[in-house]
Amino acid sequence: MLYEIEVRNFIKVDSFKKLDNFFQNNAKIVKIEKQEIIRYNTKGCDLKLKQENDVVKIVCQSSSAIQEIRPEMEVVADKKDFNNLKFIFS
């Protein structure tokens, strides 16, 4: 089973180096992804427009960002529509 870890905090350079060193010595890269994520301010949810490799998604995470578990809804869009979606949401 694979786990995804997402860190949402600023860390100092020394802490980053320790963390990076730990992963270099104790883990192997499974997959490298190219991402572009645009976050929008909205009431009631965190709205993101994500392009990961060849997949484009509109993602809405509801509730407060301080909650451990938040409902999430994803809508998959065609890759060629990414720039149009950026225009619509901006």
Protein backbone atom coordinates (compact mmCIF):
# COMPACT_ATOMS: atom_id res chain seq x y z
CA MET A 1 0.00 0.00 0.00
CA LEU A 2 1.27 3.48 -0.87
CA TYR A 3 0.62 6.54 1.24
CA GLU A 4 0.62 10.13 0.08
CA ILE A 5 1.95 12.69 2.52
CA GLU A 6 1.15 16.33 2.00
CA VAL A 7 2.90 18.90 4.12
CA ARG A 8 1.30 22.31 4.37
CA ASN A 9 3.62 24.31 6.49
CA PHE A 10 6.75 26.36 6.15
CA ILE A 11 9.92 24.77 7.47
CA LYS A 12 13.38 26.15 7.98
CA VAL A 13 16.18 25.28 5.58
CA ASP A 14 17.91 23.05 8.16
CA SER A 15 14.71 21.08 8.77
CA PHE A 16 14.18 20.67 5.03
CA LYS A 17 17.74 19.36 4.60
CA LYS A 18 17.20 16.80 7.37
CA LEU A 19 13.90 15.68 5.87
CA ASP A 20 15.38 15.49 2.36
CA ASN A 21 18.36 13.51 3.66
CA PHE A 22 16.01 11.09 5.45
CA PHE A 23 14.06 10.40 2.25
CA GLN A 24 17.23 10.11 0.14
CA ASN A 25 18.54 7.41 2.51
CA ASN A 26 15.32 5.57 3.43
CA ALA A 27 12.96 5.73 0.48
CA LYS A 28 12.81 5.18 -3.23
CA ILE A 29 11.07 7.35 -5.80
CA VAL A 30 7.96 5.66 -7.12
CA LYS A 31 6.84 8.34 -9.54
CA ILE A 32 7.77 11.92 -10.42
CA GLU A 33 4.88 14.18 -11.33
CA LYS A 34 4.81 17.59 -12.91
CA GLN A 35 2.14 19.74 -11.29
CA GLU A 36 0.66 23.18 -11.60
CA ILE A 37 -1.86 24.06 -8.89
CA ILE A 38 -3.79 27.31 -8.73
CA ARG A 39 -5.68 27.97 -5.49
CA TYR A 40 -8.69 30.28 -5.34
CA ASN A 41 -10.24 32.03 -2.33
CA THR A 42 -13.86 31.02 -1.94
CA LYS A 43 -16.36 30.84 0.90
CA GLY A 44 -17.03 27.37 2.21
CA CYS A 45 -14.36 25.45 0.31
CA ASP A 46 -10.82 25.44 -1.00
CA LEU A 47 -11.05 25.53 -4.78
CA LYS A 48 -8.07 24.35 -6.82
CA LEU A 49 -7.35 23.99 -10.49
CA LYS A 50 -4.75 21.25 -10.90
CA GLN A 51 -2.77 20.05 -13.89
CA GLU A 52 -0.78 16.89 -13.13
CA ASN A 53 1.04 15.35 -16.05
CA ASP A 54 -1.77 14.86 -18.60
CA VAL A 55 -4.72 15.21 -16.20
CA VAL A 56 -6.61 18.41 -15.37
CA LYS A 57 -8.89 18.53 -12.33
CA ILE A 58 -11.10 21.05 -10.60
CA VAL A 59 -10.96 20.17 -6.89
CA CYS A 60 -13.17 21.47 -4.09
CA GLN A 61 -12.33 20.59 -0.47
CA SER A 62 -15.10 21.65 1.87
CA SER A 63 -14.99 22.57 5.55
CA SER A 64 -12.18 24.26 7.41
CA ALA A 65 -8.55 23.71 6.43
CA ILE A 66 -7.69 22.96 10.07
CA GLN A 67 -9.78 19.77 10.06
CA GLU A 68 -7.89 16.50 9.64
CA ILE A 69 -10.44 14.97 7.29
CA ARG A 70 -12.30 17.06 4.72
CA PRO A 71 -14.72 15.98 2.01
CA GLU A 72 -13.25 16.46 -1.46
CA MET A 73 -14.89 16.55 -4.87
CA GLU A 74 -12.94 16.31 -8.13
CA VAL A 75 -14.08 17.02 -11.67
CA VAL A 76 -11.77 15.77 -14.41
CA ALA A 77 -11.38 18.00 -17.45
CA ASP A 78 -9.62 17.69 -20.78
CA LYS A 79 -5.96 18.81 -20.79
CA LYS A 80 -6.58 21.22 -23.66
CA ASP A 81 -9.12 23.10 -21.51
CA PHE A 82 -6.63 24.05 -18.77
CA ASN A 83 -5.97 27.59 -20.05
CA ASN A 84 -9.68 28.21 -20.62
CA LEU A 85 -10.42 27.09 -17.04
CA LYS A 86 -7.72 29.41 -15.70
CA PHE A 87 -9.40 32.26 -17.58
CA ILE A 88 -12.88 31.36 -16.29
CA PHE A 89 -11.78 31.15 -12.63
CA SER A 90 -9.61 34.28 -12.71
